N, C-alpha and C. Protein backbone atom coordinates (compact mmCIF):
# COMPACT_ATOMS: atom_id res chain seq x y z
N MET A 1 6.61 86.17 19.62
CA MET A 1 5.49 85.11 19.70
C MET A 1 6.07 83.67 18.70
N ALA A 2 5.86 82.45 19.71
CA ALA A 2 6.34 81.08 19.33
C ALA A 2 5.34 80.82 18.03
N LYS A 3 6.05 80.18 16.96
CA LYS A 3 5.10 79.20 16.29
C LYS A 3 4.27 78.09 16.47
N LYS A 4 3.47 78.00 16.04
CA LYS A 4 2.74 76.62 16.35
C LYS A 4 3.22 75.87 15.33
N GLN A 5 3.29 74.26 15.84
CA GLN A 5 3.56 73.47 14.82
C GLN A 5 2.18 72.76 14.18
N THR A 6 2.10 72.85 13.00
CA THR A 6 0.91 72.60 12.13
C THR A 6 0.93 71.12 11.44
N GLN A 7 2.43 70.84 11.39
CA GLN A 7 2.67 69.58 10.42
C GLN A 7 2.93 68.52 11.53
N ALA A 8 2.40 67.43 11.38
CA ALA A 8 2.88 66.02 12.27
C ALA A 8 4.48 65.96 11.88
N SER A 9 5.06 65.37 13.09
CA SER A 9 6.57 64.95 13.19
C SER A 9 6.55 63.47 12.08
N LYS A 10 7.76 63.48 11.65
CA LYS A 10 8.03 62.08 11.06
C LYS A 10 8.00 61.01 11.87
N ALA A 11 8.26 61.12 13.14
CA ALA A 11 8.03 59.85 14.10
C ALA A 11 6.53 59.70 14.35
N SER A 12 5.97 60.66 14.47
CA SER A 12 4.49 60.33 14.81
C SER A 12 3.46 59.70 13.52
N VAL A 13 4.11 60.13 12.14
CA VAL A 13 3.54 59.85 11.14
C VAL A 13 3.64 58.24 10.86
N GLN A 14 5.04 57.86 11.42
CA GLN A 14 5.36 56.54 10.97
C GLN A 14 4.83 55.59 11.96
N THR A 15 4.51 56.03 13.14
CA THR A 15 3.98 55.23 14.40
C THR A 15 2.24 54.99 14.16
N THR A 16 1.84 56.01 13.51
CA THR A 16 0.53 55.86 13.23
C THR A 16 -0.20 54.41 12.67
N GLU A 17 -1.13 53.78 13.27
CA GLU A 17 -1.55 52.41 12.85
C GLU A 17 -1.95 52.39 11.29
N LEU A 18 -2.70 53.56 10.41
CA LEU A 18 -3.08 53.71 9.27
C LEU A 18 -1.76 53.62 8.49
N ASN A 19 -0.60 53.95 8.55
CA ASN A 19 0.34 54.52 8.01
C ASN A 19 1.29 53.31 7.90
N ARG A 20 1.11 52.21 8.66
CA ARG A 20 2.02 51.01 8.72
C ARG A 20 1.92 50.17 7.49
N MET A 21 2.84 49.20 7.20
CA MET A 21 2.95 48.59 5.87
C MET A 21 2.12 47.40 6.46
N PRO A 22 1.18 46.76 5.60
CA PRO A 22 0.40 45.69 5.87
C PRO A 22 1.35 44.09 6.26
N VAL A 23 0.75 43.33 6.86
CA VAL A 23 1.28 42.26 7.09
C VAL A 23 1.16 41.39 6.21
N PRO A 24 2.02 40.80 5.35
CA PRO A 24 1.67 39.69 4.28
C PRO A 24 0.79 38.51 5.15
N GLY A 25 -0.42 38.29 4.52
CA GLY A 25 -1.47 36.81 5.08
C GLY A 25 -2.14 37.28 6.19
N ALA A 26 -1.99 38.62 6.48
CA ALA A 26 -2.82 38.79 7.87
C ALA A 26 -4.47 38.99 7.56
N ASP A 27 -4.34 39.71 6.26
CA ASP A 27 -6.01 39.77 5.99
C ASP A 27 -6.51 38.93 5.01
N ASP A 28 -5.61 37.72 4.97
CA ASP A 28 -5.86 36.75 3.94
C ASP A 28 -7.20 36.05 4.30
N THR A 29 -8.36 36.01 3.51
CA THR A 29 -9.80 35.63 3.59
C THR A 29 -9.80 34.38 2.61
N GLU A 30 -8.90 34.26 1.52
CA GLU A 30 -8.93 33.19 0.66
C GLU A 30 -8.61 31.77 1.58
N PHE A 31 -9.30 30.66 0.80
CA PHE A 31 -9.05 29.35 1.45
C PHE A 31 -9.00 28.18 0.36
N SER A 32 -8.43 27.16 0.61
CA SER A 32 -8.36 26.10 -0.23
C SER A 32 -9.66 25.25 -0.46
N ALA A 33 -9.93 24.59 -1.50
CA ALA A 33 -10.92 23.63 -1.57
C ALA A 33 -10.68 22.68 -0.66
N GLU A 34 -9.48 22.21 -0.40
CA GLU A 34 -9.33 21.40 0.82
C GLU A 34 -9.69 21.50 2.18
N GLU A 35 -9.57 22.97 2.64
CA GLU A 35 -10.09 23.52 3.92
C GLU A 35 -11.65 23.64 3.79
N ALA A 36 -12.12 24.13 2.96
CA ALA A 36 -13.40 23.86 2.58
C ALA A 36 -13.95 22.61 2.65
N ALA A 37 -13.74 21.76 2.20
CA ALA A 37 -14.24 20.32 2.30
C ALA A 37 -13.97 19.52 3.98
N GLN A 38 -12.93 20.14 4.51
CA GLN A 38 -12.85 19.45 5.90
C GLN A 38 -13.61 20.60 6.74
N ALA A 39 -14.11 21.75 6.54
CA ALA A 39 -15.11 22.28 7.48
C ALA A 39 -16.54 21.59 7.03
N PHE A 40 -16.77 21.52 5.94
CA PHE A 40 -18.34 20.78 5.22
C PHE A 40 -18.26 19.29 6.18
N GLN A 41 -17.02 18.64 5.86
CA GLN A 41 -17.22 17.19 6.53
C GLN A 41 -17.31 17.04 8.18
N GLY A 42 -16.63 17.96 8.63
CA GLY A 42 -16.97 18.41 10.29
C GLY A 42 -18.28 18.94 10.64
N ASN A 43 -19.15 19.74 9.61
CA ASN A 43 -20.02 20.16 10.31
C ASN A 43 -21.56 19.47 9.66
N LYS A 44 -21.17 18.26 8.96
CA LYS A 44 -22.37 17.79 8.49
C LYS A 44 -23.62 17.46 9.07
N GLY A 45 -23.91 17.04 10.13
CA GLY A 45 -24.98 16.59 11.24
C GLY A 45 -25.46 18.11 11.74
N LYS A 46 -24.55 18.84 11.75
CA LYS A 46 -24.98 20.09 12.56
C LYS A 46 -25.98 21.10 11.86
N SER A 47 -26.26 21.04 10.41
CA SER A 47 -26.89 21.91 9.68
C SER A 47 -28.19 21.25 9.26
N ARG A 48 -28.54 20.01 9.31
CA ARG A 48 -29.54 19.66 8.86
C ARG A 48 -30.73 19.93 10.26
N ARG A 49 -32.17 20.22 9.56
CA ARG A 49 -32.93 20.45 10.35
C ARG A 49 -33.87 19.45 10.41
N GLN A 50 -34.84 18.97 11.24
CA GLN A 50 -35.59 17.86 11.75
C GLN A 50 -37.22 18.57 11.41
């Protein structure tokens, strides 16, 4: 009888999306005060209700 392989190979583990190293800045959700000010200045008239 042939044995069934129950463990994942090294190659399959390394190519799994969840096991990859994070890319620096890819999930960066922080922004500077300057970026916030620019966003608010550009949207001043759009948020006012009449």
